[in-house]
Amino acid sequence: MRFLGISQLNGVFSAGTTSSAAMRLVQFCHRGGEGGVRVGVEQAEGQGVIDLKAFDPSMPSTMRQFLEMGQKGMDCAKRALSSGQHVLARSDIRLLSPVTGPEKVVCVGMNYKDHCLEQNAPIPEEPIIFSKFPSTITGPSDDILLPEESQEVDWEVELAFVIGRKGKHIKEDEALSYVAGFTVANDVSARDWQLKRNGKQWLLGKTFDTFCPLGPALVTTAALKDVHNLGIRCLVNGATVQDSNTNQMIFRTEKLVAWVSQFVTLCPGDVFLTGTPPGVGVFRNPPVYLKRGDVVECQIDEIGSIRNTVV
């Protein structure tokens, strides 16, 4: 996994007006708890974090507010990264989800060719959209709470992206300019509630508290060579259970932004989960589900990994 230099401004954050450098943006808090939530920039994956509010007191405290600033916020982050000032050691901070309190969490079902094949399902002709409540979101190392109401809780590693500017009826060839960056998600799913209960509507099975770990960073488009050609994996207790590539996605980022924006206005901070590859527990023979004490690690090349313990 590599980090591209600040000089490589080959990505676009907002069509015509807003350019994004190669950056890894994070939300964090100090381990002592003082200062509340902050937005920062990683110097490189796993290295020190620059506190944007310490660098410039006019900067907001949350990623959603930061994204709402548009170019002004991104320019400040670029300057902060170049300055090398106000660097906090990783041991002094706790990473939070890169985005908290989004207006929407939009999810895509059956969006990997190899995942459709494992369940003998036809390739969808248009995106299958559902949602999770924003209250599901939790951090890259936070616990997943196993609900008493379900005995069939499953893992789903997913590439997620976050909207960077407001838009409706977005054209597919302009869609990437509305994306602030990408992160790793686990679309934790209670299969009994998703597939057997609640009239087979997916919402309840997808939306228990802590069922959307996100992180570790929001990686700008400019920092990724090709987001649709990245290795994607999930490990449970160190054993690989999912291992694929984002090149298996049926509907890519641009299509998803254009499709969903037909129906709803997309806003800065909105989170999209783009579907999971094969290897989920429900389609194993016999099925395998998460239990207390399990450790689930979701990894995407060039973006990073999240590691959550089931409690």
C-alpha atoms as a PDB file:
ATOM      1  CA  MET A   1       0.000   0.000   0.000  1.00  0.00           C
ATOM      2  CA  ARG A   2       1.519   3.321  -0.997  1.00  0.00           C
ATOM      3  CA  PHE A   3       0.866   6.994  -0.489  1.00  0.00           C
ATOM      4  CA  LEU A   4       1.222   9.401  -3.403  1.00  0.00           C
ATOM      5  CA  GLY A   5       2.936  12.739  -2.870  1.00  0.00           C
ATOM      6  CA  ILE A   6       1.066  15.970  -2.389  1.00  0.00           C
ATOM      7  CA  SER A   7       2.336  17.177  -5.749  1.00  0.00           C
ATOM      8  CA  GLN A   8       0.352  14.548  -7.643  1.00  0.00           C
ATOM      9  CA  LEU A   9      -2.845  16.481  -8.160  1.00  0.00           C
ATOM     10  CA  ASN A  10      -4.177  14.263 -10.893  1.00  0.00           C
ATOM     11  CA  GLY A  11      -7.584  13.729  -9.299  1.00  0.00           C
ATOM     12  CA  VAL A  12     -10.634  15.883  -9.458  1.00  0.00           C
ATOM     13  CA  PHE A  13     -12.744  16.717  -6.420  1.00  0.00           C
ATOM     14  CA  SER A  14     -15.324  19.013  -7.965  1.00  0.00           C
ATOM     15  CA  ALA A  15     -15.835  19.556 -11.670  1.00  0.00           C
ATOM     16  CA  GLY A  16     -14.346  22.734 -13.013  1.00  0.00           C
ATOM     17  CA  THR A  17     -13.781  24.363  -9.641  1.00  0.00           C
ATOM     18  CA  THR A  18     -12.365  22.099  -6.961  1.00  0.00           C
ATOM     19  CA  SER A  19      -9.247  19.971  -7.255  1.00  0.00           C
ATOM     20  CA  SER A  20      -8.139  17.434  -4.679  1.00  0.00           C
ATOM     21  CA  ALA A  21      -4.629  16.454  -3.788  1.00  0.00           C
ATOM     22  CA  ALA A  22      -3.619  12.927  -2.866  1.00  0.00           C
ATOM     23  CA  MET A  23      -4.613  12.896   0.795  1.00  0.00           C
ATOM     24  CA  ARG A  24      -5.800  10.596   3.558  1.00  0.00           C
ATOM     25  CA  LEU A  25      -8.353  12.515   5.637  1.00  0.00           C
ATOM     26  CA  VAL A  26      -9.381  11.217   9.054  1.00  0.00           C
ATOM     27  CA  GLN A  27     -11.667  11.968  11.979  1.00  0.00           C
ATOM     28  CA  PHE A  28     -10.097  11.387  15.376  1.00  0.00           C
ATOM     29  CA  CYS A  29     -10.187  12.206  19.052  1.00  0.00           C
ATOM     30  CA  HIS A  30      -7.390  12.479  21.607  1.00  0.00           C
ATOM     31  CA  ARG A  31      -6.972   9.359  23.722  1.00  0.00           C
ATOM     32  CA  GLY A  32      -7.526  11.434  26.853  1.00  0.00           C
ATOM     33  CA  GLY A  33     -10.833  12.608  25.443  1.00  0.00           C
ATOM     34  CA  GLU A  34      -9.994  16.317  25.510  1.00  0.00           C
ATOM     35  CA  GLY A  35     -10.852  18.482  22.540  1.00  0.00           C
ATOM     36  CA  GLY A  36     -13.668  16.313  21.141  1.00  0.00           C
ATOM     37  CA  VAL A  37     -13.838  15.238  17.507  1.00  0.00           C
ATOM     38  CA  ARG A  38     -11.222  16.629  15.109  1.00  0.00           C
ATOM     39  CA  VAL A  39     -10.484  16.381  11.384  1.00  0.00           C
ATOM     40  CA  GLY A  40      -6.931  15.537  10.387  1.00  0.00           C
ATOM     41  CA  VAL A  41      -4.663  14.545   7.511  1.00  0.00           C
ATOM     42  CA  GLU A  42      -2.471  11.454   7.724  1.00  0.00           C
ATOM     43  CA  GLN A  43       1.153  12.054   6.700  1.00  0.00           C
ATOM     44  CA  ALA A  44       1.012   8.561   5.202  1.00  0.00           C
ATOM     45  CA  GLU A  45      -0.942   5.397   5.949  1.00  0.00           C
ATOM     46  CA  GLY A  46      -0.491   4.483   9.604  1.00  0.00           C
ATOM     47  CA  GLN A  47       1.744   7.481  10.327  1.00  0.00           C
ATOM     48  CA  GLY A  48       1.279  10.768  12.193  1.00  0.00           C
ATOM     49  CA  VAL A  49      -1.869  12.865  11.839  1.00  0.00           C
ATOM     50  CA  ILE A  50      -1.935  16.653  11.384  1.00  0.00           C
ATOM     51  CA  ASP A  51      -4.708  18.314  13.400  1.00  0.00           C
ATOM     52  CA  LEU A  52      -6.410  20.711  10.970  1.00  0.00           C
ATOM     53  CA  LYS A  53      -8.019  22.809  13.696  1.00  0.00           C
ATOM     54  CA  ALA A  54      -4.657  23.288  15.394  1.00  0.00           C
ATOM     55  CA  PHE A  55      -3.180  24.318  12.043  1.00  0.00           C
ATOM     56  CA  ASP A  56      -6.093  26.678  11.268  1.00  0.00           C
ATOM     57  CA  PRO A  57      -8.608  27.443  14.069  1.00  0.00           C
ATOM     58  CA  SER A  58     -11.257  28.346  11.463  1.00  0.00           C
ATOM     59  CA  MET A  59     -11.462  24.693  10.384  1.00  0.00           C
ATOM     60  CA  PRO A  60     -14.546  22.751  11.573  1.00  0.00           C
ATOM     61  CA  SER A  61     -14.454  19.769  13.904  1.00  0.00           C
ATOM     62  CA  THR A  62     -16.285  17.167  11.805  1.00  0.00           C
ATOM     63  CA  MET A  63     -15.653  15.671   8.369  1.00  0.00           C
ATOM     64  CA  ARG A  64     -19.168  16.472   7.197  1.00  0.00           C
ATOM     65  CA  GLN A  65     -18.674  20.173   8.002  1.00  0.00           C
ATOM     66  CA  PHE A  66     -15.217  20.047   6.422  1.00  0.00           C
ATOM     67  CA  LEU A  67     -16.617  18.609   3.176  1.00  0.00           C
ATOM     68  CA  GLU A  68     -19.353  21.256   3.151  1.00  0.00           C
ATOM     69  CA  MET A  69     -16.577  23.885   2.937  1.00  0.00           C
ATOM     70  CA  GLY A  70     -15.600  22.594  -0.498  1.00  0.00           C
ATOM     71  CA  GLN A  71     -12.365  23.935  -1.973  1.00  0.00           C
ATOM     72  CA  LYS A  72     -11.497  26.099   1.037  1.00  0.00           C
ATOM     73  CA  GLY A  73     -11.289  23.045   3.276  1.00  0.00           C
ATOM     74  CA  MET A  74      -9.282  20.993   0.796  1.00  0.00           C
ATOM     75  CA  ASP A  75      -6.829  23.832   0.227  1.00  0.00           C
ATOM     76  CA  CYS A  76      -6.302  24.140   3.985  1.00  0.00           C
ATOM     77  CA  ALA A  77      -5.688  20.395   4.258  1.00  0.00           C
ATOM     78  CA  LYS A  78      -3.108  20.596   1.454  1.00  0.00           C
ATOM     79  CA  ARG A  79      -1.301  23.447   3.196  1.00  0.00           C
ATOM     80  CA  ALA A  80      -1.379  21.602   6.519  1.00  0.00           C
ATOM     81  CA  LEU A  81       0.085  18.465   4.950  1.00  0.00           C
ATOM     82  CA  SER A  82       2.851  20.479   3.275  1.00  0.00           C
ATOM     83  CA  SER A  83       3.664  22.307   6.520  1.00  0.00           C
ATOM     84  CA  GLY A  84       4.411  19.198   8.567  1.00  0.00           C
ATOM     85  CA  GLN A  85       3.223  21.113  11.656  1.00  0.00           C
ATOM     86  CA  HIS A  86       0.842  20.093  14.470  1.00  0.00           C
ATOM     87  CA  VAL A  87       1.583  16.390  13.949  1.00  0.00           C
ATOM     88  CA  LEU A  88       0.092  13.997  16.492  1.00  0.00           C
ATOM     89  CA  ALA A  89       1.544  10.539  17.078  1.00  0.00           C
ATOM     90  CA  ARG A  90      -0.845   7.676  16.330  1.00  0.00           C
ATOM     91  CA  SER A  91      -0.404   6.466  19.897  1.00  0.00           C
ATOM     92  CA  ASP A  92      -1.941   9.742  21.146  1.00  0.00           C
ATOM     93  CA  ILE A  93      -5.150   9.565  19.145  1.00  0.00           C
ATOM     94  CA  ARG A  94      -8.046   7.219  18.412  1.00  0.00           C
ATOM     95  CA  LEU A  95      -9.323   7.074  14.849  1.00  0.00           C
ATOM     96  CA  LEU A  96     -13.082   7.463  14.461  1.00  0.00           C
ATOM     97  CA  SER A  97     -15.160   6.687  11.403  1.00  0.00           C
ATOM     98  CA  PRO A  98     -13.988   9.100   8.662  1.00  0.00           C
ATOM     99  CA  VAL A  99     -17.568  10.401   8.519  1.00  0.00           C
ATOM    100  CA  THR A 100     -20.149  10.471  11.308  1.00  0.00           C
ATOM    101  CA  GLY A 101     -23.738  11.688  11.173  1.00  0.00           C
ATOM    102  CA  PRO A 102     -24.205  11.646   7.382  1.00  0.00           C
ATOM    103  CA  GLU A 103     -27.620  12.456   5.998  1.00  0.00           C
ATOM    104  CA  LYS A 104     -27.692   9.163   4.098  1.00  0.00           C
ATOM    105  CA  VAL A 105     -26.063   5.731   4.019  1.00  0.00           C
ATOM    106  CA  VAL A 106     -26.813   4.302   0.576  1.00  0.00           C
ATOM    107  CA  CYS A 107     -26.084   0.605  -0.027  1.00  0.00           C
ATOM    108  CA  VAL A 108     -25.906  -1.493  -3.185  1.00  0.00           C
ATOM    109  CA  GLY A 109     -26.896  -5.161  -3.277  1.00  0.00           C
ATOM    110  CA  MET A 110     -25.636  -7.864  -5.622  1.00  0.00           C
ATOM    111  CA  ASN A 111     -22.969  -5.644  -7.166  1.00  0.00           C
ATOM    112  CA  TYR A 112     -20.095  -8.135  -7.642  1.00  0.00           C
ATOM    113  CA  LYS A 113     -20.201 -10.584 -10.541  1.00  0.00           C
ATOM    114  CA  ASP A 114     -18.475 -13.274  -8.468  1.00  0.00           C
ATOM    115  CA  HIS A 115     -20.910 -12.727  -5.567  1.00  0.00           C
ATOM    116  CA  CYS A 116     -23.871 -13.275  -7.915  1.00  0.00           C
ATOM    117  CA  LEU A 117     -22.254 -16.481  -9.190  1.00  0.00           C
ATOM    118  CA  GLU A 118     -21.798 -17.909  -5.675  1.00  0.00           C
ATOM    119  CA  GLN A 119     -25.565 -17.709  -5.078  1.00  0.00           C
ATOM    120  CA  ASN A 120     -26.632 -18.659  -8.631  1.00  0.00           C
ATOM    121  CA  ALA A 121     -28.307 -15.288  -9.043  1.00  0.00           C
ATOM    122  CA  PRO A 122     -28.655 -13.403 -12.323  1.00  0.00           C
ATOM    123  CA  ILE A 123     -26.505 -10.313 -12.913  1.00  0.00           C
ATOM    124  CA  PRO A 124     -28.728  -7.301 -12.074  1.00  0.00           C
ATOM    125  CA  GLU A 125     -29.713  -5.065 -14.997  1.00  0.00           C
ATOM    126  CA  GLU A 126     -29.883  -1.971 -12.776  1.00  0.00           C
ATOM    127  CA  PRO A 127     -28.466  -1.162  -9.321  1.00  0.00           C
ATOM    128  CA  ILE A 128     -30.269  -2.695  -6.331  1.00  0.00           C
ATOM    129  CA  ILE A 129     -30.408   0.076  -3.735  1.00  0.00           C
ATOM    130  CA  PHE A 130     -31.195  -0.199  -0.020  1.00  0.00           C
ATOM    131  CA  SER A 131     -30.068   1.701   3.047  1.00  0.00           C
ATOM    132  CA  LYS A 132     -28.721   1.531   6.571  1.00  0.00           C
ATOM    133  CA  PHE A 133     -29.546   4.149   9.191  1.00  0.00           C
ATOM    134  CA  PRO A 134     -26.608   6.519   9.913  1.00  0.00           C
ATOM    135  CA  SER A 135     -26.723   5.280  13.538  1.00  0.00           C
ATOM    136  CA  THR A 136     -25.087   2.035  12.341  1.00  0.00           C
ATOM    137  CA  ILE A 137     -21.774   3.809  11.706  1.00  0.00           C
ATOM    138  CA  THR A 138     -18.898   2.975  14.027  1.00  0.00           C
ATOM    139  CA  GLY A 139     -15.130   3.382  13.903  1.00  0.00           C
ATOM    140  CA  PRO A 140     -12.349   1.317  12.330  1.00  0.00           C
ATOM    141  CA  SER A 141     -11.406  -0.396  15.617  1.00  0.00           C
ATOM    142  CA  ASP A 142     -14.696  -0.178  17.540  1.00  0.00           C
ATOM    143  CA  ASP A 143     -16.615  -3.241  18.688  1.00  0.00           C
ATOM    144  CA  ILE A 144     -19.474  -4.797  16.720  1.00  0.00           C
ATOM    145  CA  LEU A 145     -22.360  -5.424  19.114  1.00  0.00           C
ATOM    146  CA  LEU A 146     -23.965  -8.829  18.588  1.00  0.00           C
ATOM    147  CA  PRO A 147     -27.713  -8.272  19.076  1.00  0.00           C
ATOM    148  CA  GLU A 148     -29.723 -10.715  21.171  1.00  0.00           C
ATOM    149  CA  GLU A 149     -32.416 -10.543  18.485  1.00  0.00           C
ATOM    150  CA  SER A 150     -30.308 -12.292  15.827  1.00  0.00           C
ATOM    151  CA  GLN A 151     -28.448 -15.607  15.613  1.00  0.00           C
ATOM    152  CA  GLU A 152     -27.258 -15.086  12.033  1.00  0.00           C
ATOM    153  CA  VAL A 153     -24.905 -12.080  11.969  1.00  0.00           C
ATOM    154  CA  ASP A 154     -22.625 -12.068   8.922  1.00  0.00           C
ATOM    155  CA  TRP A 155     -19.693 -10.097   7.465  1.00  0.00           C
ATOM    156  CA  GLU A 156     -19.473  -8.147   4.172  1.00  0.00           C
ATOM    157  CA  VAL A 157     -16.310  -6.259   3.217  1.00  0.00           C
ATOM    158  CA  GLU A 158     -17.169  -3.337   0.918  1.00  0.00           C
ATOM    159  CA  LEU A 159     -15.583  -0.406  -0.846  1.00  0.00           C
ATOM    160  CA  ALA A 160     -17.316   2.754   0.384  1.00  0.00           C
ATOM    161  CA  PHE A 161     -17.207   6.275  -0.975  1.00  0.00           C
ATOM    162  CA  VAL A 162     -18.284   9.621   0.440  1.00  0.00           C
ATOM    163  CA  ILE A 163     -19.987  12.447  -1.432  1.00  0.00           C
ATOM    164  CA  GLY A 164     -18.065  15.741  -1.476  1.00  0.00           C
ATOM    165  CA  ARG A 165     -20.555  18.201  -2.924  1.00  0.00           C
ATOM    166  CA  LYS A 166     -24.289  18.607  -3.388  1.00  0.00           C
ATOM    167  CA  GLY A 167     -25.904  17.366  -6.576  1.00  0.00           C
ATOM    168  CA  LYS A 168     -29.067  16.041  -8.234  1.00  0.00           C
ATOM    169  CA  HIS A 169     -29.462  14.369 -11.642  1.00  0.00           C
ATOM    170  CA  ILE A 170     -25.675  14.081 -11.903  1.00  0.00           C
ATOM    171  CA  LYS A 171     -24.284  12.980 -15.261  1.00  0.00           C
ATOM    172  CA  GLU A 172     -22.252   9.792 -15.219  1.00  0.00           C
ATOM    173  CA  ASP A 173     -19.242  11.450 -16.896  1.00  0.00           C
ATOM    174  CA  GLU A 174     -19.169  14.091 -14.136  1.00  0.00           C
ATOM    175  CA  ALA A 175     -19.984  11.785 -11.236  1.00  0.00           C
ATOM    176  CA  LEU A 176     -16.461  11.257  -9.877  1.00  0.00           C
ATOM    177  CA  SER A 177     -16.160  15.013  -9.332  1.00  0.00           C
ATOM    178  CA  TYR A 178     -18.877  14.667  -6.671  1.00  0.00           C
ATOM    179  CA  VAL A 179     -16.897  12.024  -4.730  1.00  0.00           C
ATOM    180  CA  ALA A 180     -14.648  13.260  -1.911  1.00  0.00           C
ATOM    181  CA  GLY A 181     -12.887   9.924  -1.457  1.00  0.00           C
ATOM    182  CA  PHE A 182     -13.023   6.237  -0.621  1.00  0.00           C
ATOM    183  CA  THR A 183     -12.854   4.143   2.535  1.00  0.00           C
ATOM    184  CA  VAL A 184     -13.349   0.572   3.802  1.00  0.00           C
ATOM    185  CA  ALA A 185     -16.698  -0.643   5.149  1.00  0.00           C
ATOM    186  CA  ASN A 186     -18.139  -3.760   6.737  1.00  0.00           C
ATOM    187  CA  ASP A 187     -21.828  -4.089   5.870  1.00  0.00           C
ATOM    188  CA  VAL A 188     -22.597  -6.258   8.910  1.00  0.00           C
ATOM    189  CA  SER A 189     -25.874  -8.105   8.264  1.00  0.00           C
ATOM    190  CA  ALA A 190     -28.334 -10.091  10.384  1.00  0.00           C
ATOM    191  CA  ARG A 191     -29.369 -12.636   7.763  1.00  0.00           C
ATOM    192  CA  ASP A 192     -32.419 -13.922   9.682  1.00  0.00           C
ATOM    193  CA  TRP A 193     -33.920 -10.409   9.699  1.00  0.00           C
ATOM    194  CA  GLN A 194     -32.710  -9.607   6.183  1.00  0.00           C
ATOM    195  CA  LEU A 195     -33.887 -12.757   4.417  1.00  0.00           C
ATOM    196  CA  LYS A 196     -36.675 -14.318   6.543  1.00  0.00           C
ATOM    197  CA  ARG A 197     -38.296 -11.647   8.728  1.00  0.00           C
ATOM    198  CA  ASN A 198     -39.743  -8.140   8.204  1.00  0.00           C
ATOM    199  CA  GLY A 199     -41.424  -9.179   4.937  1.00  0.00           C
ATOM    200  CA  LYS A 200     -37.942  -9.845   3.506  1.00  0.00           C
ATOM    201  CA  GLN A 201     -37.283  -6.089   3.422  1.00  0.00           C
ATOM    202  CA  TRP A 202     -33.543  -5.728   4.070  1.00  0.00           C
ATOM    203  CA  LEU A 203     -33.525  -2.611   6.263  1.00  0.00           C
ATOM    204  CA  LEU A 204     -33.874  -4.093   9.760  1.00  0.00           C
ATOM    205  CA  GLY A 205     -31.330  -6.844   9.158  1.00  0.00           C
ATOM    206  CA  LYS A 206     -28.820  -4.230   8.001  1.00  0.00           C
ATOM    207  CA  THR A 207     -29.361  -1.504  10.550  1.00  0.00           C
ATOM    208  CA  PHE A 208     -28.662  -2.765  14.083  1.00  0.00           C
ATOM    209  CA  ASP A 209     -26.368  -0.460  16.051  1.00  0.00           C
ATOM    210  CA  THR A 210     -22.651  -0.791  15.079  1.00  0.00           C
ATOM    211  CA  PHE A 211     -23.487  -2.646  11.829  1.00  0.00           C
ATOM    212  CA  CYS A 212     -21.422  -0.227   9.676  1.00  0.00           C
ATOM    213  CA  PRO A 213     -17.760  -0.020  10.710  1.00  0.00           C
ATOM    214  CA  LEU A 214     -15.932   2.491   8.462  1.00  0.00           C
ATOM    215  CA  GLY A 215     -12.335   3.596   8.079  1.00  0.00           C
ATOM    216  CA  PRO A 216      -9.521   3.989   8.575  1.00  0.00           C
ATOM    217  CA  ALA A 217      -9.311   7.113   6.382  1.00  0.00           C
ATOM    218  CA  LEU A 218     -11.123   8.935   3.601  1.00  0.00           C
ATOM    219  CA  VAL A 219      -8.647   8.492   0.737  1.00  0.00           C
ATOM    220  CA  THR A 220      -9.059  11.086  -2.003  1.00  0.00           C
ATOM    221  CA  THR A 221      -9.509   9.929  -5.577  1.00  0.00           C
ATOM    222  CA  ALA A 222      -6.126  11.438  -6.521  1.00  0.00           C
ATOM    223  CA  ALA A 223      -4.369   9.067  -4.106  1.00  0.00           C
ATOM    224  CA  LEU A 224      -5.688   5.939  -5.867  1.00  0.00           C
ATOM    225  CA  LYS A 225      -4.335   4.667  -9.162  1.00  0.00           C
ATOM    226  CA  ASP A 226      -7.581   2.881 -10.127  1.00  0.00           C
ATOM    227  CA  VAL A 227     -10.278   2.444  -7.507  1.00  0.00           C
ATOM    228  CA  HIS A 228     -11.949  -0.170  -9.708  1.00  0.00           C
ATOM    229  CA  ASN A 229      -8.908  -2.451  -9.664  1.00  0.00           C
ATOM    230  CA  LEU A 230      -8.078  -2.951  -5.981  1.00  0.00           C
ATOM    231  CA  GLY A 231      -7.713  -6.144  -3.989  1.00  0.00           C
ATOM    232  CA  ILE A 232     -10.507  -6.481  -1.406  1.00  0.00           C
ATOM    233  CA  ARG A 233     -10.471  -9.012   1.459  1.00  0.00           C
ATOM    234  CA  CYS A 234     -12.170  -9.995   4.703  1.00  0.00           C
ATOM    235  CA  LEU A 235     -10.547 -12.088   7.439  1.00  0.00           C
ATOM    236  CA  VAL A 236     -12.317 -13.639  10.429  1.00  0.00           C
ATOM    237  CA  ASN A 237      -9.970 -14.587  13.271  1.00  0.00           C
ATOM    238  CA  GLY A 238      -7.060 -14.351  10.813  1.00  0.00           C
ATOM    239  CA  ALA A 239      -8.565 -16.732   8.236  1.00  0.00           C
ATOM    240  CA  THR A 240      -9.364 -15.231   4.822  1.00  0.00           C
ATOM    241  CA  VAL A 241     -13.084 -15.573   4.058  1.00  0.00           C
ATOM    242  CA  GLN A 242     -13.440 -13.056   1.188  1.00  0.00           C
ATOM    243  CA  ASP A 243     -10.745 -12.345  -1.417  1.00  0.00           C
ATOM    244  CA  SER A 244     -11.618 -10.569  -4.657  1.00  0.00           C
ATOM    245  CA  ASN A 245     -11.010  -7.361  -6.607  1.00  0.00           C
ATOM    246  CA  THR A 246     -13.097  -4.243  -7.147  1.00  0.00           C
ATOM    247  CA  ASN A 247     -12.849  -4.962 -10.884  1.00  0.00           C
ATOM    248  CA  GLN A 248     -15.696  -7.425 -10.237  1.00  0.00           C
ATOM    249  CA  MET A 249     -18.112  -4.557  -9.535  1.00  0.00           C
ATOM    250  CA  ILE A 250     -21.090  -4.569 -11.904  1.00  0.00           C
ATOM    251  CA  PHE A 251     -22.068  -0.918 -11.391  1.00  0.00           C
ATOM    252  CA  ARG A 252     -19.084   1.305 -10.711  1.00  0.00           C
ATOM    253  CA  THR A 253     -18.854   4.504  -8.699  1.00  0.00           C
ATOM    254  CA  GLU A 254     -19.856   6.818 -11.557  1.00  0.00           C
ATOM    255  CA  LYS A 255     -22.959   4.780 -12.407  1.00  0.00           C
ATOM    256  CA  LEU A 256     -24.046   4.590  -8.765  1.00  0.00           C
ATOM    257  CA  VAL A 257     -23.752   8.346  -8.234  1.00  0.00           C
ATOM    258  CA  ALA A 258     -25.697   9.075 -11.425  1.00  0.00           C
ATOM    259  CA  TRP A 259     -28.349   6.440 -10.691  1.00  0.00           C
ATOM    260  CA  VAL A 260     -29.092   7.366  -7.071  1.00  0.00           C
ATOM    261  CA  SER A 261     -29.024  11.112  -7.796  1.00  0.00           C
ATOM    262  CA  GLN A 262     -32.058  10.618 -10.056  1.00  0.00           C
ATOM    263  CA  PHE A 263     -34.085   9.925  -6.925  1.00  0.00           C
ATOM    264  CA  VAL A 264     -32.486  11.974  -4.134  1.00  0.00           C
ATOM    265  CA  THR A 265     -30.253  15.007  -3.768  1.00  0.00           C
ATOM    266  CA  LEU A 266     -26.783  13.882  -2.727  1.00  0.00           C
ATOM    267  CA  CYS A 267     -25.124  15.947   0.013  1.00  0.00           C
ATOM    268  CA  PRO A 268     -21.573  16.275   1.377  1.00  0.00           C
ATOM    269  CA  GLY A 269     -20.898  13.438   3.785  1.00  0.00           C
ATOM    270  CA  ASP A 270     -23.387  10.975   2.284  1.00  0.00           C
ATOM    271  CA  VAL A 271     -21.904   7.473   2.399  1.00  0.00           C
ATOM    272  CA  PHE A 272     -22.242   4.815  -0.320  1.00  0.00           C
ATOM    273  CA  LEU A 273     -21.459   1.118   0.277  1.00  0.00           C
ATOM    274  CA  THR A 274     -20.845  -0.451  -3.122  1.00  0.00           C
ATOM    275  CA  GLY A 275     -21.511  -4.158  -2.537  1.00  0.00           C
ATOM    276  CA  THR A 276     -19.586  -7.212  -1.389  1.00  0.00           C
ATOM    277  CA  PRO A 277     -17.614  -9.991  -3.128  1.00  0.00           C
ATOM    278  CA  PRO A 278     -18.194 -13.732  -2.536  1.00  0.00           C
ATOM    279  CA  GLY A 279     -17.346 -15.543   0.673  1.00  0.00           C
ATOM    280  CA  VAL A 280     -20.043 -14.325   3.057  1.00  0.00           C
ATOM    281  CA  GLY A 281     -21.097 -16.708   5.813  1.00  0.00           C
ATOM    282  CA  VAL A 282     -24.706 -17.242   4.766  1.00  0.00           C
ATOM    283  CA  PHE A 283     -23.773 -18.967   1.483  1.00  0.00           C
ATOM    284  CA  ARG A 284     -21.264 -21.369   3.034  1.00  0.00           C
ATOM    285  CA  ASN A 285     -22.193 -25.018   3.508  1.00  0.00           C
ATOM    286  CA  PRO A 286     -23.045 -25.170   6.316  1.00  0.00           C
ATOM    287  CA  PRO A 287     -23.577 -21.419   6.934  1.00  0.00           C
ATOM    288  CA  VAL A 288     -21.122 -19.697   9.296  1.00  0.00           C
ATOM    289  CA  TYR A 289     -22.067 -16.715  11.458  1.00  0.00           C
ATOM    290  CA  LEU A 290     -20.202 -14.379  13.774  1.00  0.00           C
ATOM    291  CA  LYS A 291     -19.991 -15.115  17.490  1.00  0.00           C
ATOM    292  CA  ARG A 292     -18.759 -13.180  20.489  1.00  0.00           C
ATOM    293  CA  GLY A 293     -14.986 -12.852  20.519  1.00  0.00           C
ATOM    294  CA  ASP A 294     -14.573 -13.063  16.736  1.00  0.00           C
ATOM    295  CA  VAL A 295     -12.267 -10.487  15.158  1.00  0.00           C
ATOM    296  CA  VAL A 296     -13.266  -9.272  11.689  1.00  0.00           C
ATOM    297  CA  GLU A 297     -10.701  -7.474   9.535  1.00  0.00           C
ATOM    298  CA  CYS A 298     -11.694  -5.825   6.243  1.00  0.00           C
ATOM    299  CA  GLN A 299      -8.911  -4.765   3.875  1.00  0.00           C
ATOM    300  CA  ILE A 300      -8.734  -2.867   0.577  1.00  0.00           C
ATOM    301  CA  ASP A 301      -5.388  -2.282  -1.142  1.00  0.00           C
ATOM    302  CA  GLU A 302      -4.162   1.355  -1.108  1.00  0.00           C
ATOM    303  CA  ILE A 303      -6.954   2.368   1.300  1.00  0.00           C
ATOM    304  CA  GLY A 304      -6.222   0.370   4.455  1.00  0.00           C
ATOM    305  CA  SER A 305      -7.954  -1.954   6.882  1.00  0.00           C
ATOM    306  CA  ILE A 306     -10.489  -1.905   9.695  1.00  0.00           C
ATOM    307  CA  ARG A 307     -10.457  -4.422  12.544  1.00  0.00           C
ATOM    308  CA  ASN A 308     -13.482  -4.924  14.756  1.00  0.00           C
ATOM    309  CA  THR A 309     -14.129  -7.355  17.604  1.00  0.00           C
ATOM    310  CA  VAL A 310     -17.587  -8.904  18.023  1.00  0.00           C
ATOM    311  CA  VAL A 311     -18.899  -8.491  21.586  1.00  0.00           C
END
